[in-house]
PDB file of N, CA and C in Angstrom:
ATOM      1  N   MET A   1       2.218 -14.449 -19.629  1.00  0.00           N
ATOM      2  CA  MET A   1       3.280 -14.030 -18.725  1.00  0.00           C
ATOM      3  C   MET A   1       3.043 -12.578 -18.321  1.00  0.00           C
ATOM      4  N   SER A   2       3.168 -12.285 -17.030  1.00  0.00           N
ATOM      5  CA  SER A   2       2.912 -10.927 -16.563  1.00  0.00           C
ATOM      6  C   SER A   2       4.168 -10.073 -16.698  1.00  0.00           C
ATOM      7  N   LYS A   3       3.961  -8.799 -16.841  1.00  0.00           N
ATOM      8  CA  LYS A   3       5.069  -7.854 -16.953  1.00  0.00           C
ATOM      9  C   LYS A   3       5.551  -7.494 -15.552  1.00  0.00           C
ATOM     10  N   PRO A   4       6.825  -7.140 -15.414  1.00  0.00           N
ATOM     11  CA  PRO A   4       7.322  -6.755 -14.090  1.00  0.00           C
ATOM     12  C   PRO A   4       6.688  -5.439 -13.644  1.00  0.00           C
ATOM     13  N   PRO A   5       6.566  -5.258 -12.338  1.00  0.00           N
ATOM     14  CA  PRO A   5       5.973  -4.011 -11.847  1.00  0.00           C
ATOM     15  C   PRO A   5       6.887  -2.815 -12.104  1.00  0.00           C
ATOM     16  N   ILE A   6       6.304  -1.654 -12.088  1.00  0.00           N
ATOM     17  CA  ILE A   6       7.056  -0.404 -12.209  1.00  0.00           C
ATOM     18  C   ILE A   6       7.491  -0.031 -10.797  1.00  0.00           C
ATOM     19  N   VAL A   7       8.776   0.112 -10.589  1.00  0.00           N
ATOM     20  CA  VAL A   7       9.283   0.470  -9.269  1.00  0.00           C
ATOM     21  C   VAL A   7       9.829   1.887  -9.341  1.00  0.00           C
ATOM     22  N   ILE A   8       9.318   2.739  -8.489  1.00  0.00           N
ATOM     23  CA  ILE A   8       9.783   4.124  -8.416  1.00  0.00           C
ATOM     24  C   ILE A   8      10.494   4.283  -7.086  1.00  0.00           C
ATOM     25  N   ASP A   9      11.794   4.423  -7.125  1.00  0.00           N
ATOM     26  CA  ASP A   9      12.581   4.587  -5.909  1.00  0.00           C
ATOM     27  C   ASP A   9      12.670   6.074  -5.607  1.00  0.00           C
ATOM     28  N   LEU A  10      12.012   6.488  -4.555  1.00  0.00           N
ATOM     29  CA  LEU A  10      11.989   7.897  -4.194  1.00  0.00           C
ATOM     30  C   LEU A  10      13.165   8.282  -3.308  1.00  0.00           C
ATOM     31  N   GLY A  11      13.944   7.311  -2.864  1.00  0.00           N
ATOM     32  CA  GLY A  11      15.095   7.607  -2.027  1.00  0.00           C
ATOM     33  C   GLY A  11      14.677   8.074  -0.645  1.00  0.00           C
ATOM     34  N   LYS A  12      15.562   8.769   0.019  1.00  0.00           N
ATOM     35  CA  LYS A  12      15.252   9.281   1.354  1.00  0.00           C
ATOM     36  C   LYS A  12      14.408  10.539   1.228  1.00  0.00           C
ATOM     37  N   VAL A  13      13.307  10.552   1.933  1.00  0.00           N
ATOM     38  CA  VAL A  13      12.435  11.720   1.913  1.00  0.00           C
ATOM     39  C   VAL A  13      12.027  12.073   3.339  1.00  0.00           C
ATOM     40  N   SER A  14      11.681  13.309   3.525  1.00  0.00           N
ATOM     41  CA  SER A  14      11.310  13.775   4.857  1.00  0.00           C
ATOM     42  C   SER A  14       9.901  13.303   5.224  1.00  0.00           C
ATOM     43  N   LYS A  15       9.618  13.337   6.508  1.00  0.00           N
ATOM     44  CA  LYS A  15       8.307  12.935   7.016  1.00  0.00           C
ATOM     45  C   LYS A  15       7.207  13.808   6.406  1.00  0.00           C
ATOM     46  N   LYS A  16       7.492  15.079   6.217  1.00  0.00           N
ATOM     47  CA  LYS A  16       6.518  16.021   5.654  1.00  0.00           C
ATOM     48  C   LYS A  16       6.157  15.629   4.214  1.00  0.00           C
ATOM     49  N   ARG A  17       7.159  15.248   3.421  1.00  0.00           N
ATOM     50  CA  ARG A  17       6.902  14.846   2.028  1.00  0.00           C
ATOM     51  C   ARG A  17       6.163  13.511   1.960  1.00  0.00           C
ATOM     52  N   ILE A  18       6.457  12.591   2.902  1.00  0.00           N
ATOM     53  CA  ILE A  18       5.735  11.314   2.957  1.00  0.00           C
ATOM     54  C   ILE A  18       4.271  11.560   3.303  1.00  0.00           C
ATOM     55  N   ARG A  19       4.025  12.446   4.245  1.00  0.00           N
ATOM     56  CA  ARG A  19       2.656  12.777   4.638  1.00  0.00           C
ATOM     57  C   ARG A  19       1.891  13.370   3.459  1.00  0.00           C
ATOM     58  N   ALA A  20       2.544  14.258   2.712  1.00  0.00           N
ATOM     59  CA  ALA A  20       1.906  14.858   1.537  1.00  0.00           C
ATOM     60  C   ALA A  20       1.619  13.787   0.490  1.00  0.00           C
ATOM     61  N   LEU A  21       2.535  12.834   0.323  1.00  0.00           N
ATOM     62  CA  LEU A  21       2.331  11.743  -0.622  1.00  0.00           C
ATOM     63  C   LEU A  21       1.116  10.918  -0.238  1.00  0.00           C
ATOM     64  N   LYS A  22       0.990  10.602   1.030  1.00  0.00           N
ATOM     65  CA  LYS A  22      -0.156   9.839   1.505  1.00  0.00           C
ATOM     66  C   LYS A  22      -1.461  10.596   1.304  1.00  0.00           C
ATOM     67  N   ASP A  23      -1.387  11.927   1.368  1.00  0.00           N
ATOM     68  CA  ASP A  23      -2.580  12.767   1.147  1.00  0.00           C
ATOM     69  C   ASP A  23      -2.869  12.969  -0.337  1.00  0.00           C
ATOM     70  N   GLY A  24      -1.945  12.522  -1.185  1.00  0.00           N
ATOM     71  CA  GLY A  24      -2.135  12.676  -2.629  1.00  0.00           C
ATOM     72  C   GLY A  24      -1.733  14.037  -3.149  1.00  0.00           C
ATOM     73  N   THR A  25      -0.850  14.724  -2.433  1.00  0.00           N
ATOM     74  CA  THR A  25      -0.387  16.049  -2.843  1.00  0.00           C
ATOM     75  C   THR A  25       1.141  16.072  -2.824  1.00  0.00           C
ATOM     76  N   GLY A  26       1.704  17.174  -3.254  1.00  0.00           N
ATOM     77  CA  GLY A  26       3.146  17.373  -3.152  1.00  0.00           C
ATOM     78  C   GLY A  26       3.905  16.995  -4.403  1.00  0.00           C
ATOM     79  N   ASP A  27       5.210  17.244  -4.332  1.00  0.00           N
ATOM     80  CA  ASP A  27       6.066  17.029  -5.494  1.00  0.00           C
ATOM     81  C   ASP A  27       6.313  15.550  -5.783  1.00  0.00           C
ATOM     82  N   LEU A  28       6.167  14.675  -4.787  1.00  0.00           N
ATOM     83  CA  LEU A  28       6.350  13.246  -5.039  1.00  0.00           C
ATOM     84  C   LEU A  28       5.222  12.706  -5.918  1.00  0.00           C
ATOM     85  N   ILE A  29       4.014  13.214  -5.734  1.00  0.00           N
ATOM     86  CA  ILE A  29       2.892  12.815  -6.593  1.00  0.00           C
ATOM     87  C   ILE A  29       3.169  13.253  -8.025  1.00  0.00           C
ATOM     88  N   ASP A  30       3.729  14.434  -8.191  1.00  0.00           N
ATOM     89  CA  ASP A  30       4.075  14.913  -9.537  1.00  0.00           C
ATOM     90  C   ASP A  30       5.091  13.978 -10.198  1.00  0.00           C
ATOM     91  N   GLU A  31       6.081  13.536  -9.427  1.00  0.00           N
ATOM     92  CA  GLU A  31       7.098  12.623  -9.949  1.00  0.00           C
ATOM     93  C   GLU A  31       6.457  11.291 -10.375  1.00  0.00           C
ATOM     94  N   ILE A  32       5.546  10.787  -9.573  1.00  0.00           N
ATOM     95  CA  ILE A  32       4.856   9.535  -9.890  1.00  0.00           C
ATOM     96  C   ILE A  32       3.989   9.699 -11.131  1.00  0.00           C
ATOM     97  N   ASP A  33       3.299  10.822 -11.234  1.00  0.00           N
ATOM     98  CA  ASP A  33       2.459  11.082 -12.408  1.00  0.00           C
ATOM     99  C   ASP A  33       3.288  11.112 -13.692  1.00  0.00           C
ATOM    100  N   GLU A  34       4.496  11.673 -13.613  1.00  0.00           N
ATOM    101  CA  GLU A  34       5.376  11.716 -14.784  1.00  0.00           C
ATOM    102  C   GLU A  34       5.769  10.308 -15.229  1.00  0.00           C
ATOM    103  N   VAL A  35       6.077   9.439 -14.267  1.00  0.00           N
ATOM    104  CA  VAL A  35       6.455   8.064 -14.601  1.00  0.00           C
ATOM    105  C   VAL A  35       5.273   7.330 -15.230  1.00  0.00           C
ATOM    106  N   VAL A  36       4.096   7.493 -14.675  1.00  0.00           N
ATOM    107  CA  VAL A  36       2.899   6.840 -15.224  1.00  0.00           C
ATOM    108  C   VAL A  36       2.643   7.333 -16.644  1.00  0.00           C
ATOM    109  N   ALA A  37       2.801   8.620 -16.870  1.00  0.00           N
ATOM    110  CA  ALA A  37       2.594   9.174 -18.210  1.00  0.00           C
ATOM    111  C   ALA A  37       3.595   8.582 -19.206  1.00  0.00           C
ATOM    112  N   ARG A  38       4.856   8.418 -18.785  1.00  0.00           N
ATOM    113  CA  ARG A  38       5.869   7.822 -19.664  1.00  0.00           C
ATOM    114  C   ARG A  38       5.529   6.372 -20.003  1.00  0.00           C
ATOM    115  N   VAL A  39       5.057   5.628 -19.011  1.00  0.00           N
ATOM    116  CA  VAL A  39       4.703   4.226 -19.252  1.00  0.00           C
ATOM    117  C   VAL A  39       3.517   4.143 -20.201  1.00  0.00           C
ATOM    118  N   ARG A  40       2.514   4.999 -20.001  1.00  0.00           N
ATOM    119  CA  ARG A  40       1.358   5.004 -20.906  1.00  0.00           C
ATOM    120  C   ARG A  40       1.784   5.348 -22.330  1.00  0.00           C
ATOM    121  N   ALA A  41       2.719   6.286 -22.459  1.00  0.00           N
ATOM    122  CA  ALA A  41       3.196   6.666 -23.786  1.00  0.00           C
ATOM    123  C   ALA A  41       3.943   5.506 -24.450  1.00  0.00           C
ATOM    124  N   GLU A  42       4.729   4.775 -23.670  1.00  0.00           N
ATOM    125  CA  GLU A  42       5.456   3.628 -24.210  1.00  0.00           C
ATOM    126  C   GLU A  42       4.504   2.529 -24.661  1.00  0.00           C
ATOM    127  N   LEU A  43       3.420   2.335 -23.911  1.00  0.00           N
ATOM    128  CA  LEU A  43       2.464   1.287 -24.247  1.00  0.00           C
ATOM    129  C   LEU A  43       1.558   1.674 -25.410  1.00  0.00           C
ATOM    130  N   GLY A  44       1.340   2.967 -25.597  1.00  0.00           N
ATOM    131  CA  GLY A  44       0.515   3.454 -26.705  1.00  0.00           C
ATOM    132  C   GLY A  44      -0.912   2.952 -26.619  1.00  0.00           C
ATOM    133  N   GLU A  45      -1.403   2.378 -27.699  1.00  0.00           N
ATOM    134  CA  GLU A  45      -2.785   1.881 -27.757  1.00  0.00           C
ATOM    135  C   GLU A  45      -3.013   0.712 -26.804  1.00  0.00           C
ATOM    136  N   GLU A  46      -1.963  -0.004 -26.497  1.00  0.00           N
ATOM    137  CA  GLU A  46      -2.070  -1.149 -25.593  1.00  0.00           C
ATOM    138  C   GLU A  46      -2.553  -0.713 -24.210  1.00  0.00           C
ATOM    139  N   ALA A  47      -2.186   0.497 -23.791  1.00  0.00           N
ATOM    140  CA  ALA A  47      -2.572   0.998 -22.472  1.00  0.00           C
ATOM    141  C   ALA A  47      -4.075   1.191 -22.369  1.00  0.00           C
ATOM    142  N   LYS A  48      -4.723   1.496 -23.475  1.00  0.00           N
ATOM    143  CA  LYS A  48      -6.163   1.729 -23.452  1.00  0.00           C
ATOM    144  C   LYS A  48      -6.944   0.430 -23.328  1.00  0.00           C
ATOM    145  N   SER A  49      -6.420  -0.634 -23.923  1.00  0.00           N
ATOM    146  CA  SER A  49      -7.155  -1.891 -23.941  1.00  0.00           C
ATOM    147  C   SER A  49      -6.767  -2.850 -22.811  1.00  0.00           C
ATOM    148  N   LYS A  50      -5.657  -2.593 -22.127  1.00  0.00           N
ATOM    149  CA  LYS A  50      -5.192  -3.494 -21.079  1.00  0.00           C
ATOM    150  C   LYS A  50      -5.019  -2.763 -19.756  1.00  0.00           C
ATOM    151  N   GLU A  51      -5.034  -3.566 -18.728  1.00  0.00           N
ATOM    152  CA  GLU A  51      -4.815  -3.017 -17.387  1.00  0.00           C
ATOM    153  C   GLU A  51      -3.330  -2.726 -17.201  1.00  0.00           C
ATOM    154  N   LEU A  52      -3.014  -1.582 -16.619  1.00  0.00           N
ATOM    155  CA  LEU A  52      -1.614  -1.231 -16.379  1.00  0.00           C
ATOM    156  C   LEU A  52      -1.064  -2.017 -15.202  1.00  0.00           C
ATOM    157  N   VAL A  53       0.243  -2.201 -15.176  1.00  0.00           N
ATOM    158  CA  VAL A  53       0.934  -2.899 -14.098  1.00  0.00           C
ATOM    159  C   VAL A  53       0.868  -2.038 -12.832  1.00  0.00           C
ATOM    160  N   PRO A  54       0.646  -2.656 -11.672  1.00  0.00           N
ATOM    161  CA  PRO A  54       0.628  -1.873 -10.428  1.00  0.00           C
ATOM    162  C   PRO A  54       1.949  -1.151 -10.197  1.00  0.00           C
ATOM    163  N   ILE A  55       1.904  -0.046  -9.523  1.00  0.00           N
ATOM    164  CA  ILE A  55       3.096   0.738  -9.205  1.00  0.00           C
ATOM    165  C   ILE A  55       3.495   0.440  -7.769  1.00  0.00           C
ATOM    166  N   VAL A  56       4.757   0.135  -7.567  1.00  0.00           N
ATOM    167  CA  VAL A  56       5.281  -0.139  -6.231  1.00  0.00           C
ATOM    168  C   VAL A  56       6.144   1.053  -5.833  1.00  0.00           C
ATOM    169  N   LEU A  57       5.817   1.691  -4.728  1.00  0.00           N
ATOM    170  CA  LEU A  57       6.587   2.835  -4.247  1.00  0.00           C
ATOM    171  C   LEU A  57       7.558   2.389  -3.168  1.00  0.00           C
ATOM    172  N   VAL A  58       8.792   2.817  -3.276  1.00  0.00           N
ATOM    173  CA  VAL A  58       9.811   2.492  -2.292  1.00  0.00           C
ATOM    174  C   VAL A  58      10.333   3.806  -1.735  1.00  0.00           C
ATOM    175  N   TYR A  59      10.190   3.982  -0.434  1.00  0.00           N
ATOM    176  CA  TYR A  59      10.733   5.203   0.162  1.00  0.00           C
ATOM    177  C   TYR A  59      11.180   4.924   1.579  1.00  0.00           C
ATOM    178  N   LYS A  60      12.122   5.713   2.031  1.00  0.00           N
ATOM    179  CA  LYS A  60      12.619   5.633   3.394  1.00  0.00           C
ATOM    180  C   LYS A  60      12.424   6.982   4.043  1.00  0.00           C
ATOM    181  N   ARG A  61      12.033   6.958   5.283  1.00  0.00           N
ATOM    182  CA  ARG A  61      11.887   8.213   6.001  1.00  0.00           C
ATOM    183  C   ARG A  61      13.271   8.720   6.390  1.00  0.00           C
ATOM    184  N   LYS A  62      13.523   9.972   6.097  1.00  0.00           N
ATOM    185  CA  LYS A  62      14.805  10.588   6.426  1.00  0.00           C
ATOM    186  C   LYS A  62      14.867  10.758   7.952  1.00  0.00           C
ATOM    187  N   PRO A  63      15.937  10.301   8.596  1.00  0.00           N
ATOM    188  CA  PRO A  63      16.023  10.454  10.054  1.00  0.00           C
ATOM    189  C   PRO A  63      16.122  11.927  10.441  1.00  0.00           C
ATOM    190  N   PRO A  64      15.575  12.279  11.612  1.00  0.00           N
ATOM    191  CA  PRO A  64      15.659  13.684  12.032  1.00  0.00           C
ATOM    192  C   PRO A  64      17.105  14.104  12.251  1.00  0.00           C
ATOM    193  N   LYS A  65      17.367  15.374  12.046  1.00  0.00           N
ATOM    194  CA  LYS A  65      18.712  15.903  12.240  1.00  0.00           C
ATOM    195  C   LYS A  65      19.054  15.882  13.727  1.00  0.00           C
ATOM    196  N   LYS A  66      20.313  15.545  14.007  1.00  0.00           N
ATOM    197  CA  LYS A  66      20.766  15.536  15.394  1.00  0.00           C
ATOM    198  C   LYS A  66      21.091  16.959  15.809  1.00  0.00           C
ATOM    199  N   ARG A  67      20.638  17.302  16.977  1.00  0.00           N
ATOM    200  CA  ARG A  67      20.933  18.640  17.498  1.00  0.00           C
ATOM    201  C   ARG A  67      22.286  18.601  18.197  1.00  0.00           C
ATOM    202  N   LYS A  68      23.061  19.596  17.933  1.00  0.00           N
ATOM    203  CA  LYS A  68      24.364  19.684  18.562  1.00  0.00           C
ATOM    204  C   LYS A  68      24.309  20.767  19.631  1.00  0.00           C
ATOM    205  N   GLY A  69      24.139  20.326  20.844  1.00  0.00           N
ATOM    206  CA  GLY A  69      24.094  21.263  21.953  1.00  0.00           C
ATOM    207  C   GLY A  69      25.428  21.301  22.672  1.00  0.00           C
ATOM    208  N   LEU A  70      25.497  22.086  23.695  1.00  0.00           N
ATOM    209  CA  LEU A  70      26.725  22.247  24.459  1.00  0.00           C
ATOM    210  C   LEU A  70      27.151  20.940  25.105  1.00  0.00           C
ATOM    211  N   LEU A  71      26.194  20.162  25.646  1.00  0.00           N
ATOM    212  CA  LEU A  71      26.538  18.890  26.274  1.00  0.00           C
ATOM    213  C   LEU A  71      27.098  17.898  25.266  1.00  0.00           C
ATOM    214  N   ASN A  72      26.531  17.863  24.063  1.00  0.00           N
ATOM    215  CA  ASN A  72      27.037  16.960  23.044  1.00  0.00           C
ATOM    216  C   ASN A  72      28.474  17.324  22.632  1.00  0.00           C
ATOM    217  N   LEU A  73      28.766  18.597  22.619  1.00  0.00           N
ATOM    218  CA  LEU A  73      30.120  19.028  22.227  1.00  0.00           C
ATOM    219  C   LEU A  73      31.143  18.667  23.310  1.00  0.00           C
ATOM    220  N   LEU A  74      30.733  18.792  24.583  1.00  0.00           N
ATOM    221  CA  LEU A  74      31.653  18.518  25.686  1.00  0.00           C
ATOM    222  C   LEU A  74      31.909  17.033  25.881  1.00  0.00           C
ATOM    223  N   PHE A  75      30.870  16.197  25.687  1.00  0.00           N
ATOM    224  CA  PHE A  75      30.978  14.781  26.012  1.00  0.00           C
ATOM    225  C   PHE A  75      30.975  13.874  24.791  1.00  0.00           C
ATOM    226  N   SER A  76      31.297  14.400  23.631  1.00  0.00           N
ATOM    227  CA  SER A  76      31.337  13.553  22.428  1.00  0.00           C
ATOM    228  C   SER A  76      32.614  12.732  22.420  1.00  0.00           C
ATOM    229  N   ASP A  77      32.562  11.607  21.717  1.00  0.00           N
ATOM    230  CA  ASP A  77      33.713  10.698  21.650  1.00  0.00           C
ATOM    231  C   ASP A  77      34.832  11.258  20.835  1.00  0.00           C
TER     232      ASP A  77
END
């Protein structure tokens, strides 16, 4: 029987942080590394002899901020 995957929910993140994640840099990579280290520690010797479960990343791109200009203030609902 296979073990369930490790799911890391990163929540809403900016486009800049997603780009850094794809490049393998940034604070999101640090967060992922911490989770992997915890899982390896929990598995102990088993981690050395067996393949680890794949990691599934879940993230949403944070929508851009709406600009509030003079026209938006005059014609808002």
